[in-house]
Amino acid sequence: MQFADTKQQSADTYIYNLFTLTFYGMRKSEMLECLINYYTDGNKAKFSTHIGVKPQTVSAWLSRNTFDAEVIYEKCEGVSADWLLSGKGDMIKTDNQQFADNEIEIHSLKKEIERLKSLKNPQNGDKLYELCKDLISNYRQRDIIIDKLVSMTETK
C-alpha cells in the first residue's frame, strides 16, 4: 500500500508543478540555472564574470530563489525581458522580437537627438555624437536581422 501512496504523491506533485509552471512560470533559481547553462555551459564562475558580479552573488541568488533581472538583461544579449519577468515563454528572443526591440530603440534615440538639437546648447555636441553612433549601430543590427529573416524565407 505504501507504493500506491508514493505514486499518488508523485502524481499530485507533478500536477502541482505543472500548474505552477503554467500559471506562474519557472522559479527564479530554475531560470538562473537555464541562463548559466545557455551563456556559459553551466559554469557558474564564468557566468558571474559574464554579468559582472561575484560568484558568491550567483550562489546566493540560486539558494534564495532570486536574481537581479536588470543586471542579467543588461549583460545577457538576446535574453527576453518577458521571460526574465514572468518565467514564461522563450528565454531567448526570436529575430522578430529583436527586430521590434531594435525599432523601439531607434525611435527613442531619434527622439532624444531631436530633443538635444532643440536645446541649441553647444555642450550637447558630445551627447549628440554618442547618440548618432548608437543610432547607426542599431540600424546595422536591424539590417542584420532583416537579412536573417529574408534568408529564412528564401527557397533554395
N, C-alpha and C. Protein backbone atom coordinates (compact mmCIF):
# COMPACT_ATOMS: atom_id res chain seq x y z
N MET A 1 0.81 -1.19 0.00
CA MET A 1 0.00 0.00 0.00
C MET A 1 0.86 1.27 0.00
N GLN A 2 2.03 1.16 0.57
CA GLN A 2 2.95 2.30 0.60
C GLN A 2 3.28 2.75 -0.82
N PHE A 3 3.46 1.80 -1.76
CA PHE A 3 3.80 2.11 -3.13
C PHE A 3 2.70 2.94 -3.79
N ALA A 4 1.45 2.59 -3.54
CA ALA A 4 0.33 3.33 -4.11
C ALA A 4 0.32 4.77 -3.59
N ASP A 5 0.60 4.95 -2.30
CA ASP A 5 0.65 6.29 -1.74
C ASP A 5 1.74 7.13 -2.40
N THR A 6 2.90 6.51 -2.63
CA THR A 6 4.01 7.20 -3.27
C THR A 6 3.65 7.60 -4.69
N LYS A 7 2.98 6.69 -5.41
CA LYS A 7 2.56 7.01 -6.78
C LYS A 7 1.59 8.19 -6.77
N GLN A 8 0.64 8.18 -5.85
CA GLN A 8 -0.33 9.26 -5.77
C GLN A 8 0.36 10.57 -5.42
N GLN A 9 1.33 10.49 -4.50
CA GLN A 9 2.07 11.68 -4.12
C GLN A 9 2.84 12.23 -5.32
N SER A 10 3.46 11.35 -6.10
CA SER A 10 4.19 11.78 -7.29
C SER A 10 3.26 12.42 -8.30
N ALA A 11 2.08 11.85 -8.49
CA ALA A 11 1.11 12.41 -9.43
C ALA A 11 0.65 13.78 -8.95
N ASP A 12 0.40 13.90 -7.64
CA ASP A 12 -0.02 15.19 -7.08
C ASP A 12 1.08 16.24 -7.24
N THR A 13 2.32 15.83 -6.98
CA THR A 13 3.46 16.74 -7.13
C THR A 13 3.60 17.18 -8.58
N TYR A 14 3.47 16.23 -9.51
CA TYR A 14 3.58 16.53 -10.93
C TYR A 14 2.50 17.53 -11.34
N ILE A 15 1.27 17.30 -10.92
CA ILE A 15 0.16 18.18 -11.29
C ILE A 15 0.38 19.57 -10.69
N TYR A 16 0.83 19.62 -9.43
CA TYR A 16 1.11 20.91 -8.79
C TYR A 16 2.21 21.66 -9.54
N ASN A 17 3.29 20.96 -9.89
CA ASN A 17 4.40 21.60 -10.61
C ASN A 17 3.96 22.09 -11.98
N LEU A 18 3.16 21.29 -12.68
CA LEU A 18 2.65 21.69 -13.98
C LEU A 18 1.77 22.92 -13.87
N PHE A 19 0.88 22.93 -12.88
CA PHE A 19 0.01 24.09 -12.64
C PHE A 19 0.84 25.33 -12.34
N THR A 20 1.81 25.19 -11.44
CA THR A 20 2.66 26.31 -11.05
C THR A 20 3.41 26.86 -12.25
N LEU A 21 3.99 25.99 -13.05
CA LEU A 21 4.75 26.41 -14.22
C LEU A 21 3.85 27.10 -15.24
N THR A 22 2.66 26.56 -15.45
CA THR A 22 1.74 27.12 -16.43
C THR A 22 1.26 28.51 -16.03
N PHE A 23 0.90 28.68 -14.78
CA PHE A 23 0.30 29.94 -14.36
C PHE A 23 1.28 30.92 -13.75
N TYR A 24 2.35 30.43 -13.20
CA TYR A 24 3.29 31.32 -12.54
C TYR A 24 4.66 31.35 -13.20
N GLY A 25 4.92 30.50 -14.15
CA GLY A 25 6.22 30.47 -14.80
C GLY A 25 7.23 29.69 -13.99
N MET A 26 8.45 29.71 -14.45
CA MET A 26 9.52 28.99 -13.79
C MET A 26 9.93 29.69 -12.50
N ARG A 27 10.53 28.91 -11.60
CA ARG A 27 11.11 29.50 -10.39
C ARG A 27 12.37 30.25 -10.80
N LYS A 28 12.71 31.29 -10.06
CA LYS A 28 13.88 32.11 -10.39
C LYS A 28 15.16 31.28 -10.40
N SER A 29 15.30 30.36 -9.46
CA SER A 29 16.51 29.54 -9.42
C SER A 29 16.62 28.66 -10.67
N GLU A 30 15.49 28.13 -11.14
CA GLU A 30 15.48 27.33 -12.38
C GLU A 30 15.84 28.21 -13.58
N MET A 31 15.31 29.42 -13.58
CA MET A 31 15.61 30.34 -14.67
C MET A 31 17.10 30.68 -14.68
N LEU A 32 17.64 30.93 -13.50
CA LEU A 32 19.06 31.25 -13.39
C LEU A 32 19.92 30.09 -13.86
N GLU A 33 19.55 28.87 -13.52
CA GLU A 33 20.27 27.68 -14.00
C GLU A 33 20.23 27.62 -15.53
N CYS A 34 19.08 27.91 -16.11
CA CYS A 34 18.96 27.91 -17.58
C CYS A 34 19.89 28.95 -18.20
N LEU A 35 19.93 30.13 -17.61
CA LEU A 35 20.81 31.19 -18.11
C LEU A 35 22.28 30.78 -18.01
N ILE A 36 22.65 30.20 -16.89
CA ILE A 36 24.04 29.76 -16.68
C ILE A 36 24.39 28.69 -17.71
N ASN A 37 23.49 27.76 -17.94
CA ASN A 37 23.74 26.71 -18.93
C ASN A 37 23.85 27.28 -20.34
N TYR A 38 23.00 28.23 -20.68
CA TYR A 38 22.98 28.78 -22.03
C TYR A 38 24.20 29.65 -22.31
N TYR A 39 24.52 30.55 -21.38
CA TYR A 39 25.58 31.53 -21.65
C TYR A 39 26.99 31.04 -21.33
N THR A 40 27.12 30.09 -20.39
CA THR A 40 28.48 29.66 -20.01
C THR A 40 28.58 28.15 -19.82
N ASP A 41 27.74 27.41 -20.51
CA ASP A 41 27.77 25.93 -20.46
C ASP A 41 27.76 25.39 -19.04
N GLY A 42 26.99 26.02 -18.17
CA GLY A 42 26.83 25.52 -16.80
C GLY A 42 27.89 25.98 -15.81
N ASN A 43 28.83 26.80 -16.25
CA ASN A 43 29.91 27.25 -15.38
C ASN A 43 29.46 28.52 -14.63
N LYS A 44 29.18 28.36 -13.34
CA LYS A 44 28.67 29.48 -12.53
C LYS A 44 29.69 30.60 -12.38
N ALA A 45 30.95 30.24 -12.22
CA ALA A 45 32.00 31.25 -12.07
C ALA A 45 32.12 32.10 -13.34
N LYS A 46 32.10 31.43 -14.50
CA LYS A 46 32.17 32.18 -15.76
C LYS A 46 30.94 33.06 -15.93
N PHE A 47 29.78 32.54 -15.53
CA PHE A 47 28.56 33.33 -15.65
C PHE A 47 28.64 34.58 -14.78
N SER A 48 29.13 34.42 -13.56
CA SER A 48 29.25 35.59 -12.68
C SER A 48 30.17 36.63 -13.29
N THR A 49 31.27 36.19 -13.91
CA THR A 49 32.17 37.11 -14.60
C THR A 49 31.46 37.76 -15.78
N HIS A 50 30.71 36.97 -16.53
CA HIS A 50 29.98 37.45 -17.71
C HIS A 50 29.03 38.60 -17.34
N ILE A 51 28.36 38.48 -16.19
CA ILE A 51 27.39 39.51 -15.82
C ILE A 51 27.97 40.55 -14.86
N GLY A 52 29.23 40.36 -14.46
CA GLY A 52 29.90 41.37 -13.64
C GLY A 52 29.56 41.36 -12.17
N VAL A 53 29.29 40.17 -11.62
CA VAL A 53 29.05 40.06 -10.18
C VAL A 53 30.00 39.01 -9.60
N LYS A 54 30.09 38.96 -8.30
CA LYS A 54 30.93 37.96 -7.64
C LYS A 54 30.27 36.59 -7.71
N PRO A 55 31.07 35.52 -7.76
CA PRO A 55 30.49 34.17 -7.76
C PRO A 55 29.56 33.92 -6.56
N GLN A 56 29.89 34.53 -5.41
CA GLN A 56 29.04 34.36 -4.22
C GLN A 56 27.65 34.94 -4.45
N THR A 57 27.58 35.99 -5.26
CA THR A 57 26.28 36.60 -5.55
C THR A 57 25.39 35.63 -6.32
N VAL A 58 25.97 34.96 -7.32
CA VAL A 58 25.19 33.98 -8.10
C VAL A 58 24.76 32.83 -7.19
N SER A 59 25.66 32.37 -6.33
CA SER A 59 25.30 31.29 -5.39
C SER A 59 24.17 31.72 -4.46
N ALA A 60 24.24 32.95 -3.98
CA ALA A 60 23.18 33.46 -3.10
C ALA A 60 21.85 33.55 -3.86
N TRP A 61 21.89 34.03 -5.09
CA TRP A 61 20.66 34.10 -5.90
C TRP A 61 20.04 32.71 -6.04
N LEU A 62 20.87 31.71 -6.33
CA LEU A 62 20.36 30.35 -6.51
C LEU A 62 19.72 29.83 -5.23
N SER A 63 20.39 30.03 -4.11
CA SER A 63 19.87 29.49 -2.85
C SER A 63 18.64 30.27 -2.36
N ARG A 64 18.55 31.54 -2.71
CA ARG A 64 17.42 32.37 -2.27
C ARG A 64 16.30 32.46 -3.30
N ASN A 65 16.48 31.79 -4.44
CA ASN A 65 15.46 31.77 -5.49
C ASN A 65 15.14 33.19 -5.98
N THR A 66 16.21 33.94 -6.31
CA THR A 66 16.04 35.31 -6.78
C THR A 66 17.20 35.66 -7.70
N PHE A 67 17.14 36.79 -8.37
CA PHE A 67 18.25 37.34 -9.14
C PHE A 67 17.95 38.79 -9.48
N ASP A 68 18.97 39.49 -9.95
CA ASP A 68 18.82 40.88 -10.36
C ASP A 68 18.52 40.90 -11.86
N ALA A 69 17.24 41.03 -12.19
CA ALA A 69 16.81 40.96 -13.58
C ALA A 69 17.44 42.06 -14.43
N GLU A 70 17.63 43.24 -13.85
CA GLU A 70 18.21 44.35 -14.60
C GLU A 70 19.64 44.05 -15.02
N VAL A 71 20.43 43.51 -14.09
CA VAL A 71 21.82 43.15 -14.40
C VAL A 71 21.86 42.08 -15.49
N ILE A 72 21.04 41.07 -15.34
CA ILE A 72 21.03 39.97 -16.31
C ILE A 72 20.57 40.46 -17.68
N TYR A 73 19.54 41.28 -17.72
CA TYR A 73 19.03 41.78 -19.00
C TYR A 73 20.09 42.62 -19.71
N GLU A 74 20.82 43.41 -18.93
CA GLU A 74 21.85 44.28 -19.50
C GLU A 74 23.04 43.49 -20.04
N LYS A 75 23.40 42.39 -19.37
CA LYS A 75 24.63 41.68 -19.72
C LYS A 75 24.42 40.45 -20.59
N CYS A 76 23.22 39.91 -20.64
CA CYS A 76 22.96 38.68 -21.40
C CYS A 76 22.24 39.03 -22.70
N GLU A 77 23.03 39.18 -23.74
CA GLU A 77 22.49 39.58 -25.04
C GLU A 77 21.46 38.57 -25.54
N GLY A 78 20.32 39.09 -25.96
CA GLY A 78 19.29 38.26 -26.56
C GLY A 78 18.28 37.68 -25.59
N VAL A 79 18.49 37.87 -24.28
CA VAL A 79 17.54 37.30 -23.32
C VAL A 79 16.23 38.10 -23.40
N SER A 80 15.13 37.40 -23.28
CA SER A 80 13.81 38.02 -23.36
C SER A 80 13.44 38.67 -22.03
N ALA A 81 13.08 39.94 -22.08
CA ALA A 81 12.65 40.65 -20.87
C ALA A 81 11.37 40.02 -20.32
N ASP A 82 10.47 39.62 -21.20
CA ASP A 82 9.22 38.98 -20.76
C ASP A 82 9.52 37.71 -19.97
N TRP A 83 10.45 36.91 -20.47
CA TRP A 83 10.81 35.67 -19.79
C TRP A 83 11.46 35.98 -18.44
N LEU A 84 12.35 36.97 -18.41
CA LEU A 84 13.01 37.33 -17.15
C LEU A 84 12.00 37.76 -16.09
N LEU A 85 10.97 38.46 -16.51
CA LEU A 85 9.99 38.97 -15.55
C LEU A 85 8.94 37.94 -15.14
N SER A 86 8.60 37.03 -16.06
CA SER A 86 7.50 36.11 -15.78
C SER A 86 7.89 34.64 -15.70
N GLY A 87 9.02 34.29 -16.31
CA GLY A 87 9.39 32.88 -16.37
C GLY A 87 8.61 32.12 -17.43
N LYS A 88 7.85 32.83 -18.24
CA LYS A 88 7.03 32.20 -19.27
C LYS A 88 7.57 32.57 -20.65
N GLY A 89 7.32 31.69 -21.62
CA GLY A 89 7.73 31.95 -22.99
C GLY A 89 9.16 31.52 -23.26
N ASP A 90 9.73 32.07 -24.32
CA ASP A 90 11.08 31.71 -24.73
C ASP A 90 12.10 32.53 -23.96
N MET A 91 13.18 31.88 -23.54
CA MET A 91 14.24 32.56 -22.81
C MET A 91 14.98 33.53 -23.72
N ILE A 92 15.22 33.13 -24.95
CA ILE A 92 15.96 33.93 -25.91
C ILE A 92 15.00 34.52 -26.92
N LYS A 93 15.17 35.80 -27.22
CA LYS A 93 14.31 36.48 -28.19
C LYS A 93 14.47 35.87 -29.57
N THR A 94 13.39 35.84 -30.30
CA THR A 94 13.46 35.44 -31.70
C THR A 94 13.92 36.64 -32.51
N ASP A 95 14.26 36.42 -33.77
CA ASP A 95 14.68 37.53 -34.63
C ASP A 95 13.58 38.58 -34.74
N ASN A 96 12.32 38.16 -34.78
CA ASN A 96 11.21 39.12 -34.86
C ASN A 96 11.15 40.00 -33.62
N GLN A 97 11.36 39.40 -32.44
CA GLN A 97 11.35 40.18 -31.20
C GLN A 97 12.52 41.16 -31.18
N GLN A 98 13.69 40.69 -31.62
CA GLN A 98 14.86 41.56 -31.64
C GLN A 98 14.64 42.71 -32.60
N PHE A 99 14.01 42.43 -33.75
CA PHE A 99 13.71 43.47 -34.72
C PHE A 99 12.80 44.53 -34.10
N ALA A 100 11.74 44.09 -33.42
CA ALA A 100 10.80 45.02 -32.79
C ALA A 100 11.49 45.85 -31.71
N ASP A 101 12.30 45.20 -30.88
CA ASP A 101 13.03 45.93 -29.83
C ASP A 101 13.97 46.95 -30.45
N ASN A 102 14.62 46.57 -31.55
CA ASN A 102 15.55 47.45 -32.23
C ASN A 102 14.82 48.67 -32.78
N GLU A 103 13.64 48.47 -33.35
CA GLU A 103 12.85 49.58 -33.88
C GLU A 103 12.46 50.55 -32.77
N ILE A 104 12.10 50.02 -31.61
CA ILE A 104 11.75 50.87 -30.47
C ILE A 104 12.97 51.68 -30.03
N GLU A 105 14.12 51.03 -29.97
CA GLU A 105 15.36 51.71 -29.57
C GLU A 105 15.71 52.81 -30.57
N ILE A 106 15.59 52.53 -31.86
CA ILE A 106 15.88 53.54 -32.89
C ILE A 106 14.95 54.74 -32.71
N HIS A 107 13.69 54.47 -32.49
CA HIS A 107 12.72 55.56 -32.31
C HIS A 107 13.07 56.42 -31.10
N SER A 108 13.42 55.80 -29.98
CA SER A 108 13.75 56.58 -28.78
C SER A 108 15.04 57.37 -28.97
N LEU A 109 16.01 56.81 -29.69
CA LEU A 109 17.25 57.54 -29.98
C LEU A 109 16.97 58.76 -30.85
N LYS A 110 16.12 58.59 -31.85
CA LYS A 110 15.76 59.73 -32.71
C LYS A 110 15.10 60.83 -31.91
N LYS A 111 14.20 60.46 -30.99
CA LYS A 111 13.52 61.46 -30.16
C LYS A 111 14.52 62.21 -29.28
N GLU A 112 15.48 61.49 -28.72
CA GLU A 112 16.48 62.13 -27.86
C GLU A 112 17.37 63.07 -28.67
N ILE A 113 17.73 62.67 -29.88
CA ILE A 113 18.54 63.54 -30.75
C ILE A 113 17.77 64.82 -31.06
N GLU A 114 16.51 64.69 -31.41
CA GLU A 114 15.69 65.87 -31.69
C GLU A 114 15.57 66.78 -30.47
N ARG A 115 15.41 66.17 -29.30
CA ARG A 115 15.30 66.96 -28.07
C ARG A 115 16.58 67.74 -27.82
N LEU A 116 17.72 67.10 -27.98
CA LEU A 116 19.01 67.77 -27.74
C LEU A 116 19.27 68.86 -28.78
N LYS A 117 18.88 68.59 -30.03
CA LYS A 117 19.05 69.61 -31.07
C LYS A 117 18.22 70.85 -30.77
N SER A 118 17.03 70.66 -30.23
CA SER A 118 16.15 71.79 -29.96
C SER A 118 16.67 72.66 -28.82
N LEU A 119 17.53 72.14 -27.97
CA LEU A 119 18.08 72.92 -26.86
C LEU A 119 19.13 73.92 -27.32
N LYS A 120 19.72 73.67 -28.47
CA LYS A 120 20.74 74.54 -29.07
C LYS A 120 21.85 74.89 -28.08
N ASN A 121 22.30 73.88 -27.38
CA ASN A 121 23.36 74.03 -26.40
C ASN A 121 24.64 73.40 -26.96
N PRO A 122 25.72 74.17 -27.10
CA PRO A 122 26.96 73.63 -27.69
C PRO A 122 27.51 72.43 -26.91
N GLN A 123 27.21 72.35 -25.62
CA GLN A 123 27.72 71.23 -24.82
C GLN A 123 27.03 69.91 -25.17
N ASN A 124 25.96 69.98 -25.90
CA ASN A 124 25.25 68.76 -26.30
C ASN A 124 25.93 68.03 -27.46
N GLY A 125 26.96 68.65 -28.03
CA GLY A 125 27.63 68.06 -29.19
C GLY A 125 28.14 66.65 -28.93
N ASP A 126 28.81 66.42 -27.80
CA ASP A 126 29.32 65.09 -27.49
C ASP A 126 28.19 64.09 -27.30
N LYS A 127 27.15 64.52 -26.62
CA LYS A 127 26.00 63.64 -26.39
C LYS A 127 25.33 63.30 -27.72
N LEU A 128 25.17 64.28 -28.59
CA LEU A 128 24.59 64.03 -29.92
C LEU A 128 25.45 63.05 -30.71
N TYR A 129 26.75 63.22 -30.63
CA TYR A 129 27.66 62.33 -31.35
C TYR A 129 27.49 60.88 -30.87
N GLU A 130 27.42 60.69 -29.55
CA GLU A 130 27.25 59.35 -29.00
C GLU A 130 25.89 58.76 -29.39
N LEU A 131 24.85 59.57 -29.36
CA LEU A 131 23.53 59.09 -29.76
C LEU A 131 23.50 58.71 -31.24
N CYS A 132 24.18 59.48 -32.07
CA CYS A 132 24.24 59.16 -33.50
C CYS A 132 24.98 57.83 -33.72
N LYS A 133 26.06 57.63 -32.97
CA LYS A 133 26.78 56.35 -33.07
C LYS A 133 25.87 55.19 -32.67
N ASP A 134 25.10 55.37 -31.58
CA ASP A 134 24.17 54.33 -31.15
C ASP A 134 23.11 54.08 -32.22
N LEU A 135 22.62 55.15 -32.82
CA LEU A 135 21.60 55.03 -33.85
C LEU A 135 22.12 54.25 -35.05
N ILE A 136 23.34 54.55 -35.47
CA ILE A 136 23.95 53.83 -36.60
C ILE A 136 24.11 52.36 -36.25
N SER A 137 24.56 52.08 -35.04
CA SER A 137 24.72 50.70 -34.60
C SER A 137 23.39 49.96 -34.63
N ASN A 138 22.32 50.62 -34.17
CA ASN A 138 21.00 49.98 -34.17
C ASN A 138 20.49 49.74 -35.59
N TYR A 139 20.77 50.68 -36.49
CA TYR A 139 20.38 50.46 -37.88
C TYR A 139 21.13 49.26 -38.46
N ARG A 140 22.40 49.12 -38.13
CA ARG A 140 23.18 47.97 -38.61
C ARG A 140 22.61 46.67 -38.06
N GLN A 141 22.29 46.65 -36.77
CA GLN A 141 21.69 45.46 -36.17
C GLN A 141 20.36 45.13 -36.83
N ARG A 142 19.57 46.16 -37.11
CA ARG A 142 18.29 45.94 -37.77
C ARG A 142 18.51 45.32 -39.15
N ASP A 143 19.49 45.82 -39.89
CA ASP A 143 19.78 45.28 -41.22
C ASP A 143 20.22 43.82 -41.15
N ILE A 144 21.02 43.48 -40.13
CA ILE A 144 21.45 42.09 -39.97
C ILE A 144 20.24 41.19 -39.71
N ILE A 145 19.35 41.65 -38.86
CA ILE A 145 18.14 40.87 -38.55
C ILE A 145 17.27 40.73 -39.79
N ILE A 146 17.11 41.81 -40.55
CA ILE A 146 16.31 41.74 -41.78
C ILE A 146 16.93 40.73 -42.74
N ASP A 147 18.25 40.76 -42.90
CA ASP A 147 18.92 39.80 -43.78
C ASP A 147 18.67 38.36 -43.33
N LYS A 148 18.71 38.12 -42.02
CA LYS A 148 18.44 36.78 -41.49
C LYS A 148 17.02 36.34 -41.82
N LEU A 149 16.07 37.26 -41.60
CA LEU A 149 14.67 36.94 -41.87
C LEU A 149 14.45 36.65 -43.35
N VAL A 150 15.06 37.45 -44.20
CA VAL A 150 14.92 37.25 -45.65
C VAL A 150 15.51 35.90 -46.05
N SER A 151 16.70 35.59 -45.53
CA SER A 151 17.33 34.32 -45.90
C SER A 151 16.53 33.14 -45.42
N MET A 152 15.79 33.29 -44.33
CA MET A 152 14.96 32.20 -43.81
C MET A 152 13.75 31.96 -44.71
N THR A 153 13.30 32.99 -45.41
CA THR A 153 12.11 32.85 -46.23
C THR A 153 12.41 32.49 -47.68
N GLU A 154 13.67 32.66 -48.08
CA GLU A 154 14.04 32.35 -49.46
C GLU A 154 14.08 30.83 -49.67
N THR A 155 13.61 30.41 -50.83
CA THR A 155 13.72 29.00 -51.18
C THR A 155 14.95 28.79 -52.01
N LYS A 156 15.59 27.71 -51.78
CA LYS A 156 16.85 27.45 -52.49
C LYS A 156 16.60 26.55 -53.67
